[in-house]
């Protein structure tokens, strides 16, 4: 099991981007996509490869937005168009609820549909990139890692302790080799 990167619990769009890793893909099949969507409160059917492709193409577009944001550049126009089109795939309205206090949520016109799930993920991506979390989203600095995380501490550089441990072990090994070669 893969440890969630910081911020995934607050931003399903960040979790979507991190479904693709060097070691595997949580959206490898329609069944795995249904499972992933359900685990993020976005129950939807993914009946075929074309539906799965909609989800993975959105993932690629959101990844491009996050990469552009982290690099301080303008994202590819195709990524902007894809996220905006996905955000409009489902007619949804912002609704106010009142439990312990006011909160807001998007209510889908077609709950449980793939359009509702894709629309919710795209709207979340827009909120992340344009909101306060956007300034905190960073790519993992571990060699070979392609995940993103919310950097809540100034010294954090990795998406997980696993990546941090890998970097520290590699740095230690490099020092050991350099010391060994320096004593010859």
N, C-alpha and C. Protein backbone atom coordinates (compact mmCIF):
# COMPACT_ATOMS: atom_id res chain seq x y z
N UNK A 1 0.84 -1.18 0.00
CA UNK A 1 0.00 0.00 0.00
C UNK A 1 0.88 1.24 0.00
N UNK A 2 0.48 2.23 -0.76
CA UNK A 2 1.23 3.47 -0.89
C UNK A 2 0.70 4.48 0.13
N UNK A 3 1.61 5.13 0.82
CA UNK A 3 1.25 6.16 1.78
C UNK A 3 0.78 7.40 1.03
N UNK A 4 -0.30 7.99 1.50
CA UNK A 4 -0.81 9.21 0.87
C UNK A 4 0.20 10.34 1.09
N UNK A 5 0.38 11.15 0.07
CA UNK A 5 1.25 12.32 0.18
C UNK A 5 0.51 13.40 0.97
N UNK A 6 1.25 14.24 1.67
CA UNK A 6 0.59 15.33 2.41
C UNK A 6 -0.28 16.17 1.48
N UNK A 7 -1.51 16.39 1.90
CA UNK A 7 -2.45 17.20 1.13
C UNK A 7 -3.47 16.40 0.34
N UNK A 8 -3.20 15.11 0.11
CA UNK A 8 -4.15 14.31 -0.65
C UNK A 8 -5.50 14.21 0.03
N UNK A 9 -5.51 14.24 1.36
CA UNK A 9 -6.77 14.15 2.09
C UNK A 9 -7.61 15.42 1.91
N UNK A 10 -6.99 16.53 1.58
CA UNK A 10 -7.71 17.79 1.39
C UNK A 10 -8.02 18.09 -0.07
N UNK A 11 -7.33 17.43 -0.97
CA UNK A 11 -7.49 17.75 -2.39
C UNK A 11 -7.53 16.46 -3.22
N UNK A 12 -8.73 16.01 -3.57
CA UNK A 12 -8.83 14.80 -4.40
C UNK A 12 -8.08 14.93 -5.73
N UNK A 13 -7.96 16.14 -6.26
CA UNK A 13 -7.22 16.32 -7.51
C UNK A 13 -5.75 15.98 -7.33
N UNK A 14 -5.18 16.30 -6.18
CA UNK A 14 -3.79 15.94 -5.88
C UNK A 14 -3.68 14.42 -5.76
N UNK A 15 -4.65 13.81 -5.10
CA UNK A 15 -4.66 12.35 -4.99
C UNK A 15 -4.78 11.72 -6.38
N UNK A 16 -5.57 12.33 -7.27
CA UNK A 16 -5.70 11.82 -8.64
C UNK A 16 -4.35 11.82 -9.35
N UNK A 17 -3.64 12.92 -9.26
CA UNK A 17 -2.33 13.01 -9.92
C UNK A 17 -1.39 11.93 -9.38
N UNK A 18 -1.47 11.66 -8.10
CA UNK A 18 -0.57 10.70 -7.47
C UNK A 18 -1.00 9.24 -7.66
N UNK A 19 -2.07 9.00 -8.42
CA UNK A 19 -2.43 7.62 -8.72
C UNK A 19 -1.44 7.00 -9.69
N UNK A 20 -0.69 7.84 -10.37
CA UNK A 20 0.34 7.35 -11.29
C UNK A 20 1.69 7.52 -10.60
N UNK A 21 2.38 6.40 -10.45
CA UNK A 21 3.70 6.41 -9.82
C UNK A 21 4.65 5.62 -10.69
N UNK A 22 5.92 5.74 -10.41
CA UNK A 22 6.92 4.97 -11.14
C UNK A 22 6.67 3.48 -10.92
N UNK A 23 6.19 3.12 -9.74
CA UNK A 23 5.99 1.71 -9.38
C UNK A 23 4.63 1.15 -9.74
N UNK A 24 3.71 1.95 -10.27
CA UNK A 24 2.40 1.42 -10.62
C UNK A 24 1.38 2.50 -10.89
N UNK A 25 0.19 2.05 -11.25
CA UNK A 25 -0.89 2.96 -11.60
C UNK A 25 -2.17 2.47 -10.94
N UNK A 26 -2.74 3.31 -10.07
CA UNK A 26 -3.99 2.96 -9.39
C UNK A 26 -5.19 2.99 -10.33
N UNK A 27 -5.00 3.52 -11.53
CA UNK A 27 -6.09 3.58 -12.51
C UNK A 27 -5.75 2.70 -13.72
N UNK A 28 -5.18 1.55 -13.47
CA UNK A 28 -4.74 0.67 -14.55
C UNK A 28 -5.89 -0.02 -15.28
N UNK A 29 -7.04 -0.14 -14.62
CA UNK A 29 -8.18 -0.82 -15.24
C UNK A 29 -9.46 -0.11 -14.81
N UNK A 30 -10.55 -0.34 -15.54
CA UNK A 30 -11.82 0.25 -15.10
C UNK A 30 -12.18 -0.14 -13.67
N UNK A 31 -11.93 -1.38 -13.28
CA UNK A 31 -12.27 -1.83 -11.92
C UNK A 31 -11.44 -1.10 -10.88
N UNK A 32 -10.15 -0.91 -11.15
CA UNK A 32 -9.31 -0.20 -10.18
C UNK A 32 -9.70 1.28 -10.11
N UNK A 33 -10.15 1.84 -11.23
CA UNK A 33 -10.61 3.23 -11.24
C UNK A 33 -11.87 3.38 -10.40
N UNK A 34 -12.79 2.44 -10.52
CA UNK A 34 -14.02 2.47 -9.71
C UNK A 34 -13.66 2.39 -8.23
N UNK A 35 -12.73 1.52 -7.90
CA UNK A 35 -12.30 1.38 -6.50
C UNK A 35 -11.68 2.68 -6.00
N UNK A 36 -10.79 3.28 -6.80
CA UNK A 36 -10.14 4.53 -6.39
C UNK A 36 -11.17 5.65 -6.23
N UNK A 37 -12.06 5.79 -7.19
CA UNK A 37 -13.09 6.83 -7.11
C UNK A 37 -13.93 6.64 -5.84
N UNK A 38 -14.35 5.41 -5.58
CA UNK A 38 -15.17 5.13 -4.40
C UNK A 38 -14.45 5.46 -3.11
N UNK A 39 -13.14 5.19 -3.06
CA UNK A 39 -12.37 5.48 -1.86
C UNK A 39 -12.20 6.98 -1.63
N UNK A 40 -12.52 7.78 -2.64
CA UNK A 40 -12.43 9.23 -2.52
C UNK A 40 -13.81 9.90 -2.56
N UNK A 41 -14.83 9.10 -2.26
CA UNK A 41 -16.19 9.64 -2.17
C UNK A 41 -16.79 10.04 -3.50
N UNK A 42 -16.28 9.46 -4.58
CA UNK A 42 -16.77 9.80 -5.92
C UNK A 42 -17.28 8.54 -6.62
N UNK A 43 -18.26 7.91 -6.03
CA UNK A 43 -18.80 6.68 -6.58
C UNK A 43 -19.28 6.90 -8.00
N UNK A 44 -18.68 6.17 -8.92
CA UNK A 44 -19.04 6.28 -10.34
C UNK A 44 -18.66 4.99 -11.04
N UNK A 45 -19.37 4.69 -12.11
CA UNK A 45 -18.99 3.51 -12.89
C UNK A 45 -18.02 3.94 -13.99
N UNK A 46 -17.09 3.05 -14.26
CA UNK A 46 -16.13 3.25 -15.34
C UNK A 46 -16.26 1.99 -16.20
N UNK A 47 -17.25 2.00 -17.11
CA UNK A 47 -17.61 0.76 -17.78
C UNK A 47 -16.64 0.26 -18.85
N UNK A 48 -15.81 1.13 -19.39
CA UNK A 48 -14.98 0.69 -20.50
C UNK A 48 -13.68 1.50 -20.59
N UNK A 49 -12.87 1.15 -21.57
CA UNK A 49 -11.57 1.80 -21.76
C UNK A 49 -11.71 3.29 -22.09
N UNK A 50 -12.75 3.65 -22.82
CA UNK A 50 -12.95 5.06 -23.17
C UNK A 50 -13.24 5.90 -21.92
N UNK A 51 -14.02 5.35 -21.00
CA UNK A 51 -14.31 6.04 -19.75
C UNK A 51 -13.05 6.17 -18.90
N UNK A 52 -12.27 5.11 -18.86
CA UNK A 52 -11.01 5.14 -18.13
C UNK A 52 -10.06 6.18 -18.73
N UNK A 53 -10.05 6.27 -20.04
CA UNK A 53 -9.20 7.25 -20.73
C UNK A 53 -9.60 8.68 -20.35
N UNK A 54 -10.89 8.94 -20.18
CA UNK A 54 -11.33 10.28 -19.72
C UNK A 54 -10.69 10.63 -18.39
N UNK A 55 -10.67 9.68 -17.50
CA UNK A 55 -10.12 9.90 -16.17
C UNK A 55 -8.59 10.07 -16.23
N UNK A 56 -7.91 9.24 -16.99
CA UNK A 56 -6.45 9.35 -17.07
C UNK A 56 -6.01 10.59 -17.85
N UNK A 57 -6.80 11.01 -18.82
CA UNK A 57 -6.47 12.26 -19.52
C UNK A 57 -6.65 13.46 -18.60
N UNK A 58 -7.66 13.43 -17.75
CA UNK A 58 -7.82 14.49 -16.76
C UNK A 58 -6.63 14.49 -15.81
N UNK A 59 -6.22 13.31 -15.39
CA UNK A 59 -5.04 13.20 -14.51
C UNK A 59 -3.82 13.86 -15.16
N UNK A 60 -3.60 13.60 -16.44
CA UNK A 60 -2.47 14.20 -17.14
C UNK A 60 -2.57 15.71 -17.22
N UNK A 61 -3.78 16.21 -17.45
CA UNK A 61 -3.99 17.65 -17.53
C UNK A 61 -3.77 18.32 -16.17
N UNK A 62 -4.26 17.69 -15.11
CA UNK A 62 -4.06 18.25 -13.77
C UNK A 62 -2.58 18.20 -13.40
N UNK A 63 -1.89 17.13 -13.78
CA UNK A 63 -0.45 17.05 -13.53
C UNK A 63 0.28 18.20 -14.22
N UNK A 64 -0.12 18.51 -15.43
CA UNK A 64 0.49 19.63 -16.16
C UNK A 64 0.23 20.95 -15.44
N UNK A 65 -0.98 21.14 -14.92
CA UNK A 65 -1.27 22.37 -14.17
C UNK A 65 -0.38 22.48 -12.93
N UNK A 66 -0.23 21.38 -12.19
CA UNK A 66 0.60 21.40 -10.99
C UNK A 66 2.07 21.61 -11.32
N UNK A 67 2.53 20.98 -12.40
CA UNK A 67 3.93 21.16 -12.82
C UNK A 67 4.19 22.61 -13.22
N UNK A 68 3.26 23.19 -13.95
CA UNK A 68 3.41 24.59 -14.35
C UNK A 68 3.39 25.51 -13.14
N UNK A 69 2.50 25.24 -12.22
CA UNK A 69 2.42 26.05 -11.01
C UNK A 69 3.73 25.97 -10.22
N UNK A 70 4.26 24.77 -10.04
CA UNK A 70 5.50 24.58 -9.29
C UNK A 70 6.70 25.23 -9.99
N UNK A 71 6.68 25.24 -11.32
CA UNK A 71 7.79 25.80 -12.09
C UNK A 71 7.62 27.29 -12.37
N UNK A 72 6.47 27.84 -12.02
CA UNK A 72 6.24 29.27 -12.26
C UNK A 72 6.08 29.60 -13.74
N UNK A 73 5.48 28.69 -14.47
CA UNK A 73 5.27 28.91 -15.90
C UNK A 73 3.80 28.76 -16.25
N UNK A 74 3.45 29.11 -17.46
CA UNK A 74 2.07 28.97 -17.93
C UNK A 74 1.87 27.53 -18.39
N UNK A 75 0.79 26.88 -17.99
CA UNK A 75 0.56 25.49 -18.42
C UNK A 75 0.20 25.43 -19.90
N UNK A 76 0.32 24.25 -20.44
CA UNK A 76 -0.05 24.03 -21.84
C UNK A 76 -1.53 24.37 -22.04
N UNK A 77 -1.86 25.06 -23.12
CA UNK A 77 -3.27 25.41 -23.37
C UNK A 77 -4.19 24.19 -23.40
N UNK A 78 -3.69 23.07 -23.89
CA UNK A 78 -4.52 21.86 -23.95
C UNK A 78 -4.90 21.39 -22.55
N UNK A 79 -3.99 21.53 -21.59
CA UNK A 79 -4.29 21.12 -20.21
C UNK A 79 -5.36 22.02 -19.62
N UNK A 80 -5.24 23.32 -19.84
CA UNK A 80 -6.28 24.24 -19.36
C UNK A 80 -7.63 23.90 -19.96
N UNK A 81 -7.64 23.67 -21.27
CA UNK A 81 -8.90 23.35 -21.95
C UNK A 81 -9.49 22.05 -21.42
N UNK A 82 -8.64 21.05 -21.19
CA UNK A 82 -9.14 19.75 -20.71
C UNK A 82 -9.74 19.88 -19.31
N UNK A 83 -9.08 20.61 -18.41
CA UNK A 83 -9.60 20.76 -17.05
C UNK A 83 -10.89 21.57 -17.07
N UNK A 84 -10.93 22.64 -17.85
CA UNK A 84 -12.15 23.45 -17.92
C UNK A 84 -13.31 22.66 -18.52
N UNK A 85 -13.03 21.86 -19.54
CA UNK A 85 -14.09 21.04 -20.15
C UNK A 85 -14.60 20.00 -19.14
N UNK A 86 -13.67 19.39 -18.41
CA UNK A 86 -14.07 18.38 -17.42
C UNK A 86 -14.88 19.02 -16.29
N UNK A 87 -14.51 20.23 -15.88
CA UNK A 87 -15.25 20.91 -14.81
C UNK A 87 -16.69 21.18 -15.22
N UNK A 88 -16.91 21.36 -16.50
CA UNK A 88 -18.26 21.61 -16.99
C UNK A 88 -18.99 20.36 -17.45
N UNK A 89 -18.37 19.19 -17.27
CA UNK A 89 -18.99 17.94 -17.73
C UNK A 89 -20.26 17.60 -16.98
N UNK A 90 -20.39 18.12 -15.78
CA UNK A 90 -21.55 17.82 -14.93
C UNK A 90 -22.14 19.14 -14.45
N UNK A 91 -23.41 19.28 -14.63
CA UNK A 91 -24.08 20.46 -14.08
C UNK A 91 -24.12 20.29 -12.57
N UNK A 92 -23.44 21.17 -11.88
CA UNK A 92 -23.39 21.10 -10.43
C UNK A 92 -23.62 22.48 -9.86
N UNK A 93 -24.17 22.52 -8.68
CA UNK A 93 -24.43 23.80 -8.02
C UNK A 93 -23.80 23.79 -6.64
N UNK A 94 -23.26 24.91 -6.27
CA UNK A 94 -22.71 25.06 -4.93
C UNK A 94 -23.88 25.14 -3.95
N UNK A 95 -23.82 24.32 -2.91
CA UNK A 95 -24.90 24.29 -1.92
C UNK A 95 -24.32 24.53 -0.53
N UNK A 96 -25.07 25.21 0.28
CA UNK A 96 -24.67 25.50 1.66
C UNK A 96 -25.35 24.51 2.59
N UNK A 97 -24.56 23.92 3.50
CA UNK A 97 -25.11 23.05 4.53
C UNK A 97 -24.74 23.64 5.87
N UNK A 98 -25.47 23.24 6.90
CA UNK A 98 -25.22 23.81 8.22
C UNK A 98 -25.26 22.70 9.25
N UNK A 99 -24.09 22.28 9.73
CA UNK A 99 -24.01 21.32 10.82
C UNK A 99 -23.55 22.07 12.05
N UNK A 100 -22.27 21.95 12.36
CA UNK A 100 -21.67 22.72 13.45
C UNK A 100 -21.47 24.17 13.03
N UNK A 101 -21.59 24.41 11.76
CA UNK A 101 -21.41 25.74 11.20
C UNK A 101 -21.59 25.65 9.70
N UNK A 102 -21.43 26.75 9.00
CA UNK A 102 -21.65 26.71 7.56
C UNK A 102 -20.53 25.96 6.83
N UNK A 103 -20.93 25.19 5.83
CA UNK A 103 -19.96 24.54 4.94
C UNK A 103 -20.59 24.47 3.55
N UNK A 104 -19.74 24.29 2.58
CA UNK A 104 -20.22 24.28 1.21
C UNK A 104 -19.82 22.98 0.52
N UNK A 105 -20.60 22.61 -0.47
CA UNK A 105 -20.31 21.42 -1.26
C UNK A 105 -20.97 21.58 -2.62
N UNK A 106 -20.36 20.94 -3.61
CA UNK A 106 -20.94 20.93 -4.94
C UNK A 106 -21.91 19.77 -5.03
N UNK A 107 -23.14 20.04 -5.41
CA UNK A 107 -24.14 19.00 -5.60
C UNK A 107 -24.32 18.75 -7.08
N UNK A 108 -24.12 17.51 -7.48
CA UNK A 108 -24.20 17.12 -8.87
C UNK A 108 -25.65 16.97 -9.33
N UNK A 109 -25.88 17.29 -10.59
CA UNK A 109 -27.18 17.04 -11.18
C UNK A 109 -27.35 15.55 -11.47
N UNK A 110 -26.23 14.83 -11.62
CA UNK A 110 -26.26 13.39 -11.89
C UNK A 110 -25.30 12.66 -10.97
N UNK A 111 -25.64 12.60 -9.67
CA UNK A 111 -24.72 11.94 -8.74
C UNK A 111 -24.47 10.49 -9.14
N UNK A 112 -23.24 10.05 -8.92
CA UNK A 112 -22.88 8.67 -9.24
C UNK A 112 -22.44 8.46 -10.67
N UNK A 113 -22.51 9.49 -11.50
CA UNK A 113 -22.08 9.34 -12.89
C UNK A 113 -20.60 9.65 -13.02
N UNK A 114 -20.00 9.17 -14.10
CA UNK A 114 -18.61 9.49 -14.37
C UNK A 114 -18.46 11.00 -14.60
N UNK A 115 -19.45 11.61 -15.25
CA UNK A 115 -19.41 13.06 -15.44
C UNK A 115 -19.34 13.79 -14.11
N UNK A 116 -20.08 13.33 -13.12
CA UNK A 116 -20.05 13.97 -11.80
C UNK A 116 -18.67 13.81 -11.16
N UNK A 117 -18.08 12.63 -11.27
CA UNK A 117 -16.76 12.38 -10.68
C UNK A 117 -15.69 13.21 -11.37
N UNK A 118 -15.69 13.21 -12.70
CA UNK A 118 -14.70 13.97 -13.46
C UNK A 118 -14.88 15.47 -13.20
N UNK A 119 -16.12 15.91 -13.17
CA UNK A 119 -16.39 17.32 -12.89
C UNK A 119 -15.91 17.73 -11.51
N UNK A 120 -16.15 16.89 -10.50
CA UNK A 120 -15.71 17.20 -9.14
C UNK A 120 -14.19 17.26 -9.05
N UNK A 121 -13.52 16.32 -9.70
CA UNK A 121 -12.05 16.33 -9.67
C UNK A 121 -11.49 17.56 -10.39
N UNK A 122 -12.08 17.91 -11.50
CA UNK A 122 -11.61 19.09 -12.25
C UNK A 122 -11.86 20.37 -11.46
N UNK A 123 -13.03 20.49 -10.84
CA UNK A 123 -13.31 21.68 -10.02
C UNK A 123 -12.34 21.77 -8.85
N UNK A 124 -12.02 20.61 -8.25
CA UNK A 124 -11.06 20.61 -7.15
C UNK A 124 -9.68 21.04 -7.66
N UNK A 125 -9.28 20.58 -8.83
CA UNK A 125 -7.99 20.99 -9.40
C UNK A 125 -7.95 22.50 -9.59
N UNK A 126 -9.03 23.07 -10.08
CA UNK A 126 -9.11 24.52 -10.26
C UNK A 126 -8.97 25.23 -8.92
N UNK A 127 -9.66 24.71 -7.90
CA UNK A 127 -9.57 25.32 -6.57
C UNK A 127 -8.16 25.20 -5.99
N UNK A 128 -7.51 24.06 -6.19
CA UNK A 128 -6.15 23.88 -5.67
C UNK A 128 -5.20 24.85 -6.36
N UNK A 129 -5.21 24.87 -7.68
CA UNK A 129 -4.26 25.69 -8.43
C UNK A 129 -4.48 27.17 -8.18
N UNK A 130 -5.72 27.58 -8.05
CA UNK A 130 -6.00 29.02 -7.90
C UNK A 130 -6.17 29.45 -6.45
N UNK A 131 -6.16 28.51 -5.53
CA UNK A 131 -6.41 28.84 -4.12
C UNK A 131 -5.14 28.83 -3.28
N UNK A 132 -5.33 28.84 -1.98
CA UNK A 132 -4.20 28.93 -1.06
C UNK A 132 -3.33 27.68 -1.05
N UNK A 133 -3.89 26.52 -1.37
CA UNK A 133 -3.07 25.30 -1.43
C UNK A 133 -2.09 25.34 -2.59
N UNK A 134 -2.45 26.03 -3.66
CA UNK A 134 -1.60 26.07 -4.85
C UNK A 134 -0.19 26.52 -4.58
N UNK A 135 -0.03 27.49 -3.72
CA UNK A 135 1.30 28.00 -3.40
C UNK A 135 2.13 26.99 -2.62
N UNK A 136 1.48 25.97 -2.07
CA UNK A 136 2.18 24.99 -1.25
C UNK A 136 2.44 23.67 -1.98
N UNK A 137 1.87 23.48 -3.17
CA UNK A 137 2.03 22.22 -3.90
C UNK A 137 3.43 22.17 -4.51
N UNK A 138 4.12 21.06 -4.27
CA UNK A 138 5.47 20.87 -4.77
C UNK A 138 5.63 19.45 -5.33
N UNK A 139 6.52 19.29 -6.31
CA UNK A 139 6.87 17.93 -6.74
C UNK A 139 7.85 17.33 -5.75
N UNK A 140 7.78 16.04 -5.55
CA UNK A 140 8.71 15.33 -4.69
C UNK A 140 10.11 15.45 -5.30
N UNK A 141 11.10 15.71 -4.46
CA UNK A 141 12.47 15.89 -4.95
C UNK A 141 13.28 14.60 -4.95
N UNK A 142 12.67 13.49 -4.57
CA UNK A 142 13.38 12.22 -4.59
C UNK A 142 13.57 11.76 -6.04
N UNK A 143 14.77 11.29 -6.34
CA UNK A 143 15.07 10.83 -7.68
C UNK A 143 14.09 9.72 -8.09
N UNK A 144 13.47 9.89 -9.23
CA UNK A 144 12.56 8.89 -9.75
C UNK A 144 11.12 9.00 -9.29
N UNK A 145 10.83 9.86 -8.32
CA UNK A 145 9.45 10.01 -7.84
C UNK A 145 8.74 11.06 -8.69
N UNK A 146 7.49 10.80 -9.03
CA UNK A 146 6.72 11.73 -9.87
C UNK A 146 5.48 12.27 -9.14
N UNK A 147 5.45 12.06 -7.82
CA UNK A 147 4.28 12.49 -7.05
C UNK A 147 4.40 13.96 -6.63
N UNK A 148 3.26 14.55 -6.28
CA UNK A 148 3.17 15.91 -5.77
C UNK A 148 2.62 15.86 -4.35
N UNK A 149 2.92 16.89 -3.56
CA UNK A 149 2.44 16.95 -2.19
C UNK A 149 2.25 18.41 -1.79
N UNK A 150 1.57 18.62 -0.68
CA UNK A 150 1.40 19.96 -0.11
C UNK A 150 2.51 20.14 0.92
N UNK A 151 3.36 21.10 0.66
CA UNK A 151 4.52 21.36 1.54
C UNK A 151 4.08 22.26 2.68
N UNK A 152 3.85 21.66 3.83
CA UNK A 152 3.39 22.41 5.00
C UNK A 152 4.53 22.79 5.93
N UNK A 153 5.70 22.27 5.69
CA UNK A 153 6.87 22.61 6.50
C UNK A 153 7.99 23.03 5.55
N UNK A 154 8.67 24.11 5.87
CA UNK A 154 9.68 24.68 4.98
C UNK A 154 10.82 23.71 4.65
N UNK A 155 11.11 22.77 5.54
CA UNK A 155 12.21 21.85 5.29
C UNK A 155 11.80 20.59 4.54
N UNK A 156 10.51 20.38 4.35
CA UNK A 156 10.06 19.16 3.68
C UNK A 156 10.40 19.21 2.19
N UNK A 157 10.93 18.11 1.67
CA UNK A 157 11.32 18.02 0.26
C UNK A 157 10.75 16.80 -0.44
N UNK A 158 10.14 15.88 0.34
CA UNK A 158 9.69 14.62 -0.23
C UNK A 158 8.23 14.36 0.08
N UNK A 159 7.61 13.53 -0.75
CA UNK A 159 6.18 13.24 -0.61
C UNK A 159 5.89 12.24 0.50
N UNK A 160 6.92 11.50 0.92
CA UNK A 160 6.69 10.47 1.94
C UNK A 160 8.00 10.17 2.67
N UNK A 161 7.88 9.49 3.79
CA UNK A 161 9.08 9.08 4.51
C UNK A 161 9.88 8.07 3.68
N UNK A 162 9.20 7.29 2.88
CA UNK A 162 9.88 6.32 2.02
C UNK A 162 10.83 7.03 1.06
N UNK A 163 10.34 8.09 0.41
CA UNK A 163 11.20 8.85 -0.50
C UNK A 163 12.33 9.53 0.27
N UNK A 164 12.03 10.10 1.41
CA UNK A 164 13.06 10.74 2.22
C UNK A 164 14.13 9.74 2.65
N UNK A 165 13.71 8.55 3.06
CA UNK A 165 14.66 7.51 3.47
C UNK A 165 15.53 7.09 2.30
N UNK A 166 14.93 6.96 1.12
CA UNK A 166 15.70 6.58 -0.08
C UNK A 166 16.77 7.62 -0.38
N UNK A 167 16.41 8.90 -0.31
CA UNK A 167 17.36 9.98 -0.58
C UNK A 167 18.49 9.97 0.44
N UNK A 168 18.14 9.84 1.71
CA UNK A 168 19.17 9.83 2.75
C UNK A 168 20.10 8.61 2.62
N UNK A 169 19.53 7.46 2.30
CA UNK A 169 20.35 6.25 2.12
C UNK A 169 21.29 6.41 0.93
N UNK A 170 20.80 6.98 -0.16
CA UNK A 170 21.65 7.21 -1.34
C UNK A 170 22.76 8.20 -1.01
N UNK A 171 22.43 9.24 -0.28
CA UNK A 171 23.44 10.25 0.11
C UNK A 171 24.50 9.59 1.01
N UNK A 172 24.07 8.76 1.95
CA UNK A 172 25.01 8.06 2.83
C UNK A 172 25.90 7.13 2.02
N UNK A 173 25.32 6.38 1.12
CA UNK A 173 26.08 5.44 0.30
C UNK A 173 27.12 6.19 -0.54
N UNK A 174 26.74 7.33 -1.07
CA UNK A 174 27.66 8.14 -1.87
C UNK A 174 28.84 8.59 -1.01
N UNK A 175 28.57 9.02 0.23
CA UNK A 175 29.64 9.43 1.14
C UNK A 175 30.58 8.27 1.46
N UNK A 176 30.01 7.09 1.68
CA UNK A 176 30.81 5.91 1.99
C UNK A 176 31.74 5.60 0.82
N UNK A 177 31.21 5.64 -0.39
CA UNK A 177 32.02 5.36 -1.59
C UNK A 177 33.09 6.42 -1.76
N UNK A 178 32.74 7.69 -1.56
CA UNK A 178 33.72 8.78 -1.70
C UNK A 178 34.83 8.64 -0.66
N UNK A 179 34.47 8.28 0.57
CA UNK A 179 35.48 8.10 1.60
C UNK A 179 36.40 6.93 1.28
N UNK A 180 35.82 5.86 0.81
CA UNK A 180 36.59 4.67 0.46
C UNK A 180 37.56 4.99 -0.67
N UNK A 181 37.08 5.71 -1.66
CA UNK A 181 37.95 6.05 -2.81
C UNK A 181 39.00 7.07 -2.41
N UNK A 182 38.67 7.94 -1.46
CA UNK A 182 39.62 8.96 -1.01
C UNK A 182 40.74 8.40 -0.15
N UNK A 183 40.54 7.21 0.45
CA UNK A 183 41.58 6.63 1.31
C UNK A 183 42.50 5.70 0.56
N UNK A 184 42.23 5.43 -0.68
CA UNK A 184 43.08 4.52 -1.47
C UNK A 184 44.32 5.20 -1.93
